[in-house]
C-alpha atoms as a PDB file:
ATOM      1  CA  MET A   1      35.033 -22.354  -6.110  1.00  0.00           C
ATOM      2  CA  SER A   2      31.572 -20.762  -4.924  1.00  0.00           C
ATOM      3  CA  GLU A   3      28.082 -22.183  -6.301  1.00  0.00           C
ATOM      4  CA  GLY A   4      27.541 -18.509  -6.211  1.00  0.00           C
ATOM      5  CA  THR A   5      26.414 -18.045  -9.996  1.00  0.00           C
ATOM      6  CA  LYS A   6      24.167 -21.348 -10.056  1.00  0.00           C
ATOM      7  CA  ARG A   7      20.603 -21.658  -9.642  1.00  0.00           C
ATOM      8  CA  VAL A   8      19.398 -24.097  -6.746  1.00  0.00           C
ATOM      9  CA  GLU A   9      15.609 -24.932  -7.534  1.00  0.00           C
ATOM     10  CA  TRP A  10      14.665 -25.863  -3.921  1.00  0.00           C
ATOM     11  CA  LEU A  11      15.883 -22.571  -2.768  1.00  0.00           C
ATOM     12  CA  ASP A  12      14.126 -21.062  -5.607  1.00  0.00           C
ATOM     13  CA  PHE A  13      11.331 -23.135  -4.344  1.00  0.00           C
ATOM     14  CA  ALA A  14      12.383 -21.481  -0.641  1.00  0.00           C
ATOM     15  CA  LYS A  15      11.827 -17.978  -1.628  1.00  0.00           C
ATOM     16  CA  GLY A  16       8.340 -18.760  -3.555  1.00  0.00           C
ATOM     17  CA  ILE A  17       7.308 -20.359   0.108  1.00  0.00           C
ATOM     18  CA  GLY A  18       8.902 -16.812   1.847  1.00  0.00           C
ATOM     19  CA  VAL A  19       6.780 -14.775  -0.581  1.00  0.00           C
ATOM     20  CA  ILE A  20       4.152 -16.809   0.244  1.00  0.00           C
ATOM     21  CA  LEU A  21       4.398 -15.890   4.144  1.00  0.00           C
ATOM     22  CA  VAL A  22       5.522 -12.566   3.644  1.00  0.00           C
ATOM     23  CA  ILE A  23       1.733 -12.031   2.544  1.00  0.00           C
ATOM     24  CA  MET A  24       0.832 -13.932   5.297  1.00  0.00           C
ATOM     25  CA  GLY A  25       2.250 -12.091   7.634  1.00  0.00           C
ATOM     26  CA  HIS A  26       0.707  -8.983   6.190  1.00  0.00           C
ATOM     27  CA  MET A  27      -2.745 -10.367   7.018  1.00  0.00           C
ATOM     28  CA  PRO A  28      -3.231  -9.593  10.349  1.00  0.00           C
ATOM     29  CA  SER A  29      -7.358  -9.704  10.339  1.00  0.00           C
ATOM     30  CA  ILE A  30      -7.178 -13.145   8.601  1.00  0.00           C
ATOM     31  CA  VAL A  31      -3.769 -14.788   9.960  1.00  0.00           C
ATOM     32  CA  PRO A  32      -3.873 -15.513  13.519  1.00  0.00           C
ATOM     33  CA  ASN A  33      -1.397 -13.408  15.664  1.00  0.00           C
ATOM     34  CA  ASN A  34       0.538 -16.788  17.022  1.00  0.00           C
ATOM     35  CA  VAL A  35       1.170 -17.889  13.355  1.00  0.00           C
ATOM     36  CA  ARG A  36       2.261 -14.261  12.302  1.00  0.00           C
ATOM     37  CA  ILE A  37       4.978 -14.007  15.242  1.00  0.00           C
ATOM     38  CA  TRP A  38       6.250 -17.517  14.243  1.00  0.00           C
ATOM     39  CA  ILE A  39       6.166 -16.460  10.151  1.00  0.00           C
ATOM     40  CA  TYR A  40       8.000 -12.839  11.545  1.00  0.00           C
ATOM     41  CA  SER A  41      10.718 -14.783  13.374  1.00  0.00           C
ATOM     42  CA  PHE A  42      12.126 -15.678  10.075  1.00  0.00           C
ATOM     43  CA  HIS A  43      10.876 -14.846   6.952  1.00  0.00           C
ATOM     44  CA  MET A  44      12.924 -11.733   5.876  1.00  0.00           C
ATOM     45  CA  PRO A  45      16.055 -13.716   7.354  1.00  0.00           C
ATOM     46  CA  LEU A  46      15.229 -16.385   5.064  1.00  0.00           C
ATOM     47  CA  PHE A  47      15.509 -13.910   2.386  1.00  0.00           C
ATOM     48  CA  PHE A  48      19.217 -12.338   3.483  1.00  0.00           C
ATOM     49  CA  LEU A  49      20.136 -16.175   3.659  1.00  0.00           C
ATOM     50  CA  VAL A  50      19.471 -17.183   0.785  1.00  0.00           C
ATOM     51  CA  ALA A  51      20.955 -13.865  -1.132  1.00  0.00           C
ATOM     52  CA  GLY A  52      24.008 -14.567   1.260  1.00  0.00           C
ATOM     53  CA  TYR A  53      24.299 -18.214  -0.308  1.00  0.00           C
ATOM     54  CA  PHE A  54      24.644 -16.709  -3.534  1.00  0.00           C
ATOM     55  CA  ALA A  55      27.494 -14.094  -2.663  1.00  0.00           C
ATOM     56  CA  VAL A  56      30.871 -14.485  -4.286  1.00  0.00           C
ATOM     57  CA  VAL A  57      34.099 -12.888  -2.725  1.00  0.00           C
ATOM     58  CA  PRO A  58      35.614 -10.426  -5.516  1.00  0.00           C
ATOM     59  CA  ASN A  59      39.081 -11.200  -6.494  1.00  0.00           C
ATOM     60  CA  GLY A  60      40.871  -7.891  -6.864  1.00  0.00           C
ATOM     61  CA  THR A  61      39.787  -4.260  -6.801  1.00  0.00           C
ATOM     62  CA  GLN A  62      38.566  -4.274 -10.408  1.00  0.00           C
ATOM     63  CA  ASP A  63      36.666  -7.409  -9.855  1.00  0.00           C
ATOM     64  CA  LEU A  64      34.995  -4.991  -6.174  1.00  0.00           C
ATOM     65  CA  MET A  65      34.005  -2.220  -8.067  1.00  0.00           C
ATOM     66  CA  ARG A  66      32.368  -4.342 -10.661  1.00  0.00           C
ATOM     67  CA  THR A  67      30.565  -5.880  -8.226  1.00  0.00           C
ATOM     68  CA  ILE A  68      29.562  -2.699  -6.694  1.00  0.00           C
ATOM     69  CA  LYS A  69      28.665  -1.072  -9.797  1.00  0.00           C
ATOM     70  CA  ASN A  70      25.905  -4.541 -10.555  1.00  0.00           C
ATOM     71  CA  LYS A  71      24.629  -4.170  -6.936  1.00  0.00           C
ATOM     72  CA  THR A  72      23.938  -0.526  -7.068  1.00  0.00           C
ATOM     73  CA  LEU A  73      22.364  -1.134 -10.482  1.00  0.00           C
ATOM     74  CA  LYS A  74      20.403  -3.710  -9.080  1.00  0.00           C
ATOM     75  CA  LEU A  75      19.179  -3.000  -5.632  1.00  0.00           C
ATOM     76  CA  LEU A  76      19.363   0.348  -5.101  1.00  0.00           C
ATOM     77  CA  VAL A  77      18.361   1.665  -8.442  1.00  0.00           C
ATOM     78  CA  ARG A  78      16.372  -0.856 -10.189  1.00  0.00           C
ATOM     79  CA  GLY A  79      14.794  -2.005  -6.484  1.00  0.00           C
ATOM     80  CA  TYR A  80      14.621   0.553  -4.089  1.00  0.00           C
ATOM     81  CA  LEU A  81      14.407   3.588  -6.114  1.00  0.00           C
ATOM     82  CA  ALA A  82      12.269   2.339  -9.257  1.00  0.00           C
ATOM     83  CA  PHE A  83       9.670   0.744  -6.906  1.00  0.00           C
ATOM     84  CA  ALA A  84       9.405   3.424  -4.380  1.00  0.00           C
ATOM     85  CA  LEU A  85       8.848   5.759  -7.627  1.00  0.00           C
ATOM     86  CA  CYS A  86       6.331   3.663  -9.223  1.00  0.00           C
ATOM     87  CA  PHE A  87       4.492   3.318  -6.196  1.00  0.00           C
ATOM     88  CA  MET A  88       4.595   6.615  -5.090  1.00  0.00           C
ATOM     89  CA  VAL A  89       3.347   7.673  -8.723  1.00  0.00           C
ATOM     90  CA  LEU A  90       0.412   4.811  -8.450  1.00  0.00           C
ATOM     91  CA  ASP A  91      -0.377   6.687  -4.996  1.00  0.00           C
ATOM     92  CA  ILE A  92      -0.711   9.839  -6.562  1.00  0.00           C
ATOM     93  CA  VAL A  93      -3.076   8.691  -9.175  1.00  0.00           C
ATOM     94  CA  PHE A  94      -5.679   6.149  -7.671  1.00  0.00           C
ATOM     95  CA  LEU A  95      -4.998   7.049  -4.088  1.00  0.00           C
ATOM     96  CA  ARG A  96      -4.938  11.276  -4.696  1.00  0.00           C
ATOM     97  CA  ILE A  97      -2.669  11.696  -2.027  1.00  0.00           C
ATOM     98  CA  ASP A  98      -1.613  15.314  -0.738  1.00  0.00           C
ATOM     99  CA  LYS A  99       1.340  17.328  -1.474  1.00  0.00           C
ATOM    100  CA  GLU A 100       2.214  17.130   1.867  1.00  0.00           C
ATOM    101  CA  THR A 101       2.265  13.062   2.398  1.00  0.00           C
ATOM    102  CA  ILE A 102       4.038  12.945  -1.138  1.00  0.00           C
ATOM    103  CA  LEU A 103       7.188  15.342  -0.089  1.00  0.00           C
ATOM    104  CA  LYS A 104       6.862  13.091   3.445  1.00  0.00           C
ATOM    105  CA  ASN A 105       7.172  10.180   1.067  1.00  0.00           C
ATOM    106  CA  VAL A 106      10.285  11.347  -0.858  1.00  0.00           C
ATOM    107  CA  TYR A 107      11.939  12.394   2.099  1.00  0.00           C
ATOM    108  CA  GLY A 108      11.738   9.254   3.804  1.00  0.00           C
ATOM    109  CA  ILE A 109      12.845   7.756   0.452  1.00  0.00           C
ATOM    110  CA  PHE A 110      15.913   9.812   0.831  1.00  0.00           C
ATOM    111  CA  ILE A 111      17.024   9.105   4.226  1.00  0.00           C
ATOM    112  CA  GLY A 112      15.724   5.383   4.035  1.00  0.00           C
ATOM    113  CA  THR A 113      13.219   5.438   6.965  1.00  0.00           C
ATOM    114  CA  ILE A 114      10.207   5.081   4.659  1.00  0.00           C
ATOM    115  CA  ASP A 115       8.096   1.917   6.161  1.00  0.00           C
ATOM    116  CA  ARG A 116       7.163   0.490   2.546  1.00  0.00           C
ATOM    117  CA  ILE A 117       7.814  -3.498   1.490  1.00  0.00           C
ATOM    118  CA  TYR A 118      10.576  -2.122  -0.610  1.00  0.00           C
ATOM    119  CA  TRP A 119      12.635  -1.219   2.234  1.00  0.00           C
ATOM    120  CA  PHE A 120      14.308  -4.550   1.592  1.00  0.00           C
ATOM    121  CA  PHE A 121      16.082  -3.637  -1.425  1.00  0.00           C
ATOM    122  CA  LEU A 122      17.747  -0.703   0.427  1.00  0.00           C
ATOM    123  CA  SER A 123      18.863  -3.232   3.197  1.00  0.00           C
ATOM    124  CA  LEU A 124      19.958  -6.117   1.329  1.00  0.00           C
ATOM    125  CA  TYR A 125      21.910  -3.399  -0.754  1.00  0.00           C
ATOM    126  CA  VAL A 126      23.973  -2.308   2.294  1.00  0.00           C
ATOM    127  CA  VAL A 127      24.221  -5.774   3.590  1.00  0.00           C
ATOM    128  CA  SER A 128      25.751  -6.977   0.748  1.00  0.00           C
ATOM    129  CA  ILE A 129      28.037  -3.732   0.387  1.00  0.00           C
ATOM    130  CA  LEU A 130      29.258  -4.276   3.847  1.00  0.00           C
ATOM    131  CA  PHE A 131      29.869  -7.829   2.920  1.00  0.00           C
ATOM    132  CA  LEU A 132      32.073  -7.216  -0.010  1.00  0.00           C
ATOM    133  CA  PHE A 133      34.230  -4.538   2.335  1.00  0.00           C
ATOM    134  CA  VAL A 134      34.242  -6.742   5.568  1.00  0.00           C
ATOM    135  CA  THR A 135      35.467  -9.759   3.471  1.00  0.00           C
ATOM    136  CA  ARG A 136      38.251  -7.949   1.999  1.00  0.00           C
ATOM    137  CA  VAL A 137      39.693  -7.400   5.545  1.00  0.00           C
ATOM    138  CA  VAL A 138      38.144 -11.141   6.947  1.00  0.00           C
ATOM    139  CA  ARG A 139      38.754 -13.910   5.560  1.00  0.00           C
ATOM    140  CA  ASN A 140      38.274 -16.233   8.531  1.00  0.00           C
ATOM    141  CA  TYR A 141      34.751 -17.777   8.940  1.00  0.00           C
ATOM    142  CA  LYS A 142      35.209 -17.369  12.839  1.00  0.00           C
ATOM    143  CA  THR A 143      35.977 -13.993  12.775  1.00  0.00           C
ATOM    144  CA  LEU A 144      33.637 -13.010  10.081  1.00  0.00           C
ATOM    145  CA  LEU A 145      30.866 -14.077  12.370  1.00  0.00           C
ATOM    146  CA  LEU A 146      32.367 -12.545  15.429  1.00  0.00           C
ATOM    147  CA  VAL A 147      31.995  -9.358  13.270  1.00  0.00           C
ATOM    148  CA  ALA A 148      28.316 -10.020  12.186  1.00  0.00           C
ATOM    149  CA  VAL A 149      27.767 -10.502  15.975  1.00  0.00           C
ATOM    150  CA  THR A 150      29.177  -7.219  16.809  1.00  0.00           C
ATOM    151  CA  PHE A 151      26.769  -5.411  13.943  1.00  0.00           C
ATOM    152  CA  ALA A 152      23.961  -7.236  15.856  1.00  0.00           C
ATOM    153  CA  VAL A 153      24.707  -5.252  18.672  1.00  0.00           C
ATOM    154  CA  MET A 154      25.743  -2.026  17.234  1.00  0.00           C
ATOM    155  CA  ALA A 155      21.868  -2.382  15.328  1.00  0.00           C
ATOM    156  CA  ILE A 156      20.378  -2.981  19.108  1.00  0.00           C
ATOM    157  CA  VAL A 157      22.160   0.225  20.140  1.00  0.00           C
ATOM    158  CA  LEU A 158      21.012   2.302  17.285  1.00  0.00           C
ATOM    159  CA  LYS A 159      17.764   1.083  17.753  1.00  0.00           C
ATOM    160  CA  ARG A 160      17.525   2.290  21.007  1.00  0.00           C
ATOM    161  CA  TYR A 161      18.317   5.675  19.915  1.00  0.00           C
ATOM    162  CA  GLY A 162      15.900   5.810  17.129  1.00  0.00           C
ATOM    163  CA  ILE A 163      18.506   5.713  14.654  1.00  0.00           C
ATOM    164  CA  ASN A 164      17.416   3.553  11.545  1.00  0.00           C
ATOM    165  CA  TYR A 165      18.407   5.986   8.528  1.00  0.00           C
ATOM    166  CA  TYR A 166      19.213   4.135   5.377  1.00  0.00           C
ATOM    167  CA  ARG A 167      18.183   0.844   7.064  1.00  0.00           C
ATOM    168  CA  VAL A 168      21.686   0.458   8.969  1.00  0.00           C
ATOM    169  CA  GLY A 169      20.130  -0.560  11.933  1.00  0.00           C
ATOM    170  CA  SER A 170      18.197  -3.157   9.806  1.00  0.00           C
ATOM    171  CA  SER A 171      20.990  -4.142   7.562  1.00  0.00           C
ATOM    172  CA  LEU A 172      23.464  -4.190  10.385  1.00  0.00           C
ATOM    173  CA  TYR A 173      20.849  -6.504  12.316  1.00  0.00           C
ATOM    174  CA  SER A 174      20.759  -8.745   9.154  1.00  0.00           C
ATOM    175  CA  PHE A 175      24.338  -8.670   8.262  1.00  0.00           C
ATOM    176  CA  GLY A 176      24.919 -12.341   9.991  1.00  0.00           C
ATOM    177  CA  PHE A 177      22.268 -14.058   8.212  1.00  0.00           C
ATOM    178  CA  TYR A 178      23.943 -13.150   5.099  1.00  0.00           C
ATOM    179  CA  CYS A 179      27.061 -14.611   6.350  1.00  0.00           C
ATOM    180  CA  LEU A 180      25.536 -17.479   7.256  1.00  0.00           C
ATOM    181  CA  GLY A 181      24.320 -18.176   4.117  1.00  0.00           C
ATOM    182  CA  TYR A 182      27.483 -17.428   2.692  1.00  0.00           C
ATOM    183  CA  ILE A 183      29.261 -19.977   4.988  1.00  0.00           C
ATOM    184  CA  ALA A 184      26.743 -22.564   4.385  1.00  0.00           C
ATOM    185  CA  ASN A 185      27.640 -22.568   0.678  1.00  0.00           C
ATOM    186  CA  GLU A 186      31.310 -22.373   1.324  1.00  0.00           C
ATOM    187  CA  LYS A 187      31.321 -25.211   3.569  1.00  0.00           C
ATOM    188  CA  LYS A 188      28.252 -26.995   2.275  1.00  0.00           C
ATOM    189  CA  ILE A 189      26.577 -27.091   5.288  1.00  0.00           C
ATOM    190  CA  LEU A 190      23.051 -27.435   3.665  1.00  0.00           C
ATOM    191  CA  GLY A 191      23.679 -30.752   2.487  1.00  0.00           C
ATOM    192  CA  TYR A 192      25.173 -32.124   5.348  1.00  0.00           C
ATOM    193  CA  LEU A 193      22.334 -30.748   7.643  1.00  0.00           C
ATOM    194  CA  TYR A 194      20.107 -32.530   5.094  1.00  0.00           C
ATOM    195  CA  ASN A 195      21.379 -35.985   5.509  1.00  0.00           C
ATOM    196  CA  ILE A 196      21.060 -35.598   9.422  1.00  0.00           C
ATOM    197  CA  LYS A 197      17.360 -36.331   9.199  1.00  0.00           C
ATOM    198  CA  TYR A 198      16.462 -35.176  13.557  1.00  0.00           C
ATOM    199  CA  SER A 199      17.765 -31.756  12.267  1.00  0.00           C
ATOM    200  CA  PHE A 200      14.235 -31.168  10.846  1.00  0.00           C
ATOM    201  CA  LEU A 201      12.518 -32.041  13.849  1.00  0.00           C
ATOM    202  CA  ILE A 202      14.666 -30.115  16.375  1.00  0.00           C
ATOM    203  CA  SER A 203      14.212 -27.042  13.917  1.00  0.00           C
ATOM    204  CA  VAL A 204      10.260 -27.551  14.122  1.00  0.00           C
ATOM    205  CA  ILE A 205      10.090 -27.909  17.735  1.00  0.00           C
ATOM    206  CA  VAL A 206      12.311 -24.946  18.331  1.00  0.00           C
ATOM    207  CA  SER A 207      10.794 -22.691  15.734  1.00  0.00           C
ATOM    208  CA  VAL A 208       7.029 -23.487  16.889  1.00  0.00           C
ATOM    209  CA  LEU A 209       7.630 -23.457  20.738  1.00  0.00           C
ATOM    210  CA  GLY A 210       9.804 -20.903  20.725  1.00  0.00           C
ATOM    211  CA  SER A 211       7.186 -18.636  18.862  1.00  0.00           C
ATOM    212  CA  VAL A 212       4.664 -20.150  21.523  1.00  0.00           C
ATOM    213  CA  LEU A 213       7.154 -18.745  23.991  1.00  0.00           C
ATOM    214  CA  THR A 214       7.744 -15.625  22.614  1.00  0.00           C
ATOM    215  CA  LEU A 215       3.824 -14.862  22.477  1.00  0.00           C
ATOM    216  CA  LYS A 216       3.559 -15.529  26.206  1.00  0.00           C
ATOM    217  CA  MET A 217       6.551 -13.695  26.970  1.00  0.00           C
ATOM    218  CA  SER A 218       5.730 -10.696  24.921  1.00  0.00           C
ATOM    219  CA  PRO A 219       3.014 -10.362  22.262  1.00  0.00           C
ATOM    220  CA  TYR A 220       5.327  -8.393  19.805  1.00  0.00           C
ATOM    221  CA  ILE A 221       6.044  -9.313  16.339  1.00  0.00           C
ATOM    222  CA  LEU A 222       9.857  -9.010  15.221  1.00  0.00           C
ATOM    223  CA  ASP A 223      10.068  -6.841  12.463  1.00  0.00           C
ATOM    224  CA  ILE A 224      13.743  -6.412  10.843  1.00  0.00           C
ATOM    225  CA  SER A 225      12.639  -3.168   9.083  1.00  0.00           C
ATOM    226  CA  ASN A 226      12.047  -1.381  12.325  1.00  0.00           C
ATOM    227  CA  ASN A 227      11.130  -3.307  15.428  1.00  0.00           C
ATOM    228  CA  LEU A 228      14.687  -4.859  16.806  1.00  0.00           C
ATOM    229  CA  SER A 229      14.501  -6.776  19.911  1.00  0.00           C
ATOM    230  CA  ILE A 230      17.659  -7.085  22.351  1.00  0.00           C
ATOM    231  CA  ASP A 231      17.593 -11.001  22.382  1.00  0.00           C
ATOM    232  CA  ILE A 232      19.725 -11.039  19.730  1.00  0.00           C
ATOM    233  CA  VAL A 233      20.480 -14.964  20.383  1.00  0.00           C
ATOM    234  CA  TRP A 234      16.916 -15.934  20.962  1.00  0.00           C
ATOM    235  CA  ASN A 235      15.756 -14.203  17.551  1.00  0.00           C
ATOM    236  CA  TYR A 236      18.694 -15.922  15.722  1.00  0.00           C
ATOM    237  CA  ILE A 237      17.672 -19.091  16.910  1.00  0.00           C
ATOM    238  CA  LEU A 238      14.225 -19.196  16.398  1.00  0.00           C
ATOM    239  CA  ALA A 239      15.058 -17.712  12.614  1.00  0.00           C
ATOM    240  CA  ILE A 240      17.831 -20.186  11.924  1.00  0.00           C
ATOM    241  CA  CYS A 241      15.357 -23.052  12.946  1.00  0.00           C
ATOM    242  CA  GLY A 242      12.645 -21.285  11.133  1.00  0.00           C
ATOM    243  CA  ILE A 243      14.531 -21.037   7.517  1.00  0.00           C
ATOM    244  CA  TRP A 244      16.127 -24.614   7.911  1.00  0.00           C
ATOM    245  CA  VAL A 245      11.841 -26.345   8.564  1.00  0.00           C
ATOM    246  CA  VAL A 246      11.489 -23.771   5.185  1.00  0.00           C
ATOM    247  CA  ILE A 247      14.795 -25.135   3.191  1.00  0.00           C
ATOM    248  CA  PHE A 248      14.404 -28.486   4.436  1.00  0.00           C
ATOM    249  CA  LEU A 249      10.949 -28.963   3.013  1.00  0.00           C
ATOM    250  CA  SER A 250      11.587 -27.310   0.064  1.00  0.00           C
ATOM    251  CA  ARG A 251      14.446 -29.657  -1.043  1.00  0.00           C
ATOM    252  CA  ILE A 252      12.407 -32.575  -0.047  1.00  0.00           C
ATOM    253  CA  VAL A 253       9.300 -31.533  -2.100  1.00  0.00           C
ATOM    254  CA  CYS A 254      11.347 -30.202  -5.525  1.00  0.00           C
ATOM    255  CA  GLU A 255      13.180 -33.477  -5.310  1.00  0.00           C
ATOM    256  CA  LYS A 256       9.849 -35.805  -4.750  1.00  0.00           C
ATOM    257  CA  ALA A 257       7.374 -33.733  -6.551  1.00  0.00           C
ATOM    258  CA  GLY A 258       9.218 -31.255  -8.682  1.00  0.00           C
ATOM    259  CA  ASN A 259       7.301 -31.810 -11.953  1.00  0.00           C
ATOM    260  CA  LEU A 260       3.846 -30.724  -9.997  1.00  0.00           C
ATOM    261  CA  SER A 261       2.351 -27.425 -11.457  1.00  0.00           C
ATOM    262  CA  ILE A 262       2.121 -26.014  -8.324  1.00  0.00           C
ATOM    263  CA  ILE A 263       5.405 -26.501  -7.220  1.00  0.00           C
ATOM    264  CA  LYS A 264       7.286 -24.827 -10.638  1.00  0.00           C
ATOM    265  CA  ILE A 265       4.999 -22.238  -9.876  1.00  0.00           C
ATOM    266  CA  LEU A 266       6.098 -21.367  -6.648  1.00  0.00           C
ATOM    267  CA  VAL A 267       9.786 -21.912  -8.192  1.00  0.00           C
ATOM    268  CA  PHE A 268       8.761 -19.489 -10.705  1.00  0.00           C
ATOM    269  CA  VAL A 269       7.582 -17.166  -7.986  1.00  0.00           C
ATOM    270  CA  GLY A 270      10.825 -17.693  -6.104  1.00  0.00           C
ATOM    271  CA  MET A 271      12.711 -17.508  -9.329  1.00  0.00           C
ATOM    272  CA  ASN A 272      11.232 -14.112  -9.856  1.00  0.00           C
ATOM    273  CA  SER A 273      10.970 -12.643  -5.999  1.00  0.00           C
ATOM    274  CA  PHE A 274      12.713  -9.236  -7.036  1.00  0.00           C
ATOM    275  CA  PHE A 275       9.387  -8.343  -8.536  1.00  0.00           C
ATOM    276  CA  PHE A 276       7.047 -10.853  -6.834  1.00  0.00           C
ATOM    277  CA  PHE A 277       8.213  -9.650  -3.285  1.00  0.00           C
ATOM    278  CA  PRO A 278       7.207  -6.076  -3.859  1.00  0.00           C
ATOM    279  CA  ILE A 279       4.376  -6.272  -6.148  1.00  0.00           C
ATOM    280  CA  THR A 280       2.358  -8.493  -4.339  1.00  0.00           C
ATOM    281  CA  ASN A 281       2.320  -6.691  -1.166  1.00  0.00           C
ATOM    282  CA  TYR A 282       1.669  -3.383  -2.562  1.00  0.00           C
ATOM    283  CA  MET A 283      -0.536  -4.015  -5.273  1.00  0.00           C
ATOM    284  CA  PRO A 284      -3.499  -5.421  -2.941  1.00  0.00           C
ATOM    285  CA  GLU A 285      -3.407  -2.722  -0.832  1.00  0.00           C
ATOM    286  CA  LEU A 286      -3.525  -0.352  -3.731  1.00  0.00           C
ATOM    287  CA  PHE A 287      -6.398  -2.560  -4.656  1.00  0.00           C
ATOM    288  CA  ARG A 288      -8.384  -2.882  -1.810  1.00  0.00           C
ATOM    289  CA  ALA A 289      -8.088   1.031  -1.358  1.00  0.00           C
ATOM    290  CA  VAL A 290      -9.357   1.995  -4.859  1.00  0.00           C
ATOM    291  CA  LEU A 291     -12.478  -0.263  -4.554  1.00  0.00           C
ATOM    292  CA  ASN A 292     -13.175   0.921  -0.796  1.00  0.00           C
ATOM    293  CA  SER A 293     -13.327  -2.521   0.012  1.00  0.00           C
ATOM    294  CA  ASP A 294     -11.708  -4.767   2.886  1.00  0.00           C
ATOM    295  CA  SER A 295     -13.997  -7.830   2.807  1.00  0.00           C
ATOM    296  CA  ASN A 296     -12.050 -11.355   2.486  1.00  0.00           C
ATOM    297  CA  ILE A 297     -13.456 -11.737  -0.938  1.00  0.00           C
ATOM    298  CA  VAL A 298     -11.978  -8.605  -2.390  1.00  0.00           C
ATOM    299  CA  LYS A 299      -8.596  -9.457  -0.254  1.00  0.00           C
ATOM    300  CA  ILE A 300      -8.608 -12.786  -2.475  1.00  0.00           C
ATOM    301  CA  LEU A 301      -9.107 -11.193  -5.549  1.00  0.00           C
ATOM    302  CA  ALA A 302      -6.181  -8.348  -4.347  1.00  0.00           C
ATOM    303  CA  TYR A 303      -3.927 -10.971  -4.310  1.00  0.00           C
ATOM    304  CA  VAL A 304      -4.805 -12.744  -7.338  1.00  0.00           C
ATOM    305  CA  PHE A 305      -4.384  -9.729  -9.195  1.00  0.00           C
ATOM    306  CA  ALA A 306      -1.193  -8.801  -7.535  1.00  0.00           C
ATOM    307  CA  PHE A 307       0.314 -12.139  -8.923  1.00  0.00           C
ATOM    308  CA  ALA A 308      -1.399 -11.851 -12.567  1.00  0.00           C
ATOM    309  CA  ILE A 309       0.300  -8.042 -12.669  1.00  0.00           C
ATOM    310  CA  ALA A 310       3.851  -9.365 -11.020  1.00  0.00           C
ATOM    311  CA  SER A 311       3.672 -12.362 -13.319  1.00  0.00           C
ATOM    312  CA  CYS A 312       2.965  -9.456 -16.464  1.00  0.00           C
ATOM    313  CA  VAL A 313       6.135  -7.598 -15.301  1.00  0.00           C
ATOM    314  CA  VAL A 314       8.421 -10.635 -15.208  1.00  0.00           C
ATOM    315  CA  PHE A 315       6.876 -11.399 -18.600  1.00  0.00           C
ATOM    316  CA  ILE A 316       7.856  -7.825 -19.965  1.00  0.00           C
ATOM    317  CA  GLU A 317      11.152  -8.062 -18.431  1.00  0.00           C
ATOM    318  CA  ARG A 318      12.398 -11.021 -19.781  1.00  0.00           C
ATOM    319  CA  LYS A 319      11.652  -9.971 -23.621  1.00  0.00           C
ATOM    320  CA  LEU A 320      13.001  -6.884 -23.082  1.00  0.00           C
ATOM    321  CA  GLN A 321      16.304  -8.816 -22.143  1.00  0.00           C
ATOM    322  CA  ILE A 322      15.728 -11.220 -24.765  1.00  0.00           C
ATOM    323  CA  VAL A 323      15.747  -7.754 -27.282  1.00  0.00           C
ATOM    324  CA  LYS A 324      18.844  -6.270 -25.855  1.00  0.00           C
ATOM    325  CA  ALA A 325      20.813  -9.301 -25.838  1.00  0.00           C
ATOM    326  CA  SER A 326      19.972  -9.759 -30.036  1.00  0.00           C
ATOM    327  CA  ASN A 327      21.124  -6.254 -30.265  1.00  0.00           C
END
């Protein structure tokens, strides 16, 4: 049976690290471009792969429909639409955006092309639904990976024609990472690689040097949300190596120093990345815009504020779950 329903502390820690890396990737004035290229090479694929690791293939039509309903409520409604609505309300109240911008944002949300951090929920929803239907037909792992490669090629073609409605291009490109996570769980690949110590060293070398070469060849940043590269194999290799560096280190840190407060904090962030991921990326922008300042001190205060807000939201959400369970 898949381990899809169980929490894995070191993967929660890896997601916590992922949240920090996403924040760093969105700080071009502080983080050097070569570091950002390295971060972008794998930080979003990391989330797709971990999500796939916990994916479970439903048994029967009834189980399938129940899974689709749950994912629709969690990712599409509570994730994409809820955060889109909340952030737009905050924009209206604090930034005083005009009617034209509001209508443009509403349209972008409706067709799934708006370039805001909550795009990830829509893309993950599309990926997870695709996975459910593909695995109804395909059960062989090699065939599943072949489908993923086909989807990635289709994503590049769609990108060339400027088609990314409902994040279809981003989703098709990311489908492979989701499948790799699923297969890694089913075949216990992460445990196997963890016992091969030089796998970490090789991944570090390939990931870092690969990013340096990418910067020299073309100083672009691979952004799964809207900037896909035709170098599918190269980008997948860099992403997998970068992901493994984070996961390997996460497992070692959790095993050797899991009781440290900073480790527990990052595990907490990873466990609740559903809230920390969007809030810690949107709120600092709002904070700086309201204060009309972009100084380093304000940036630091903005992220402290964002993490505090995200923690409060998690606390409230847990309280509501307890009240709901007691009823």
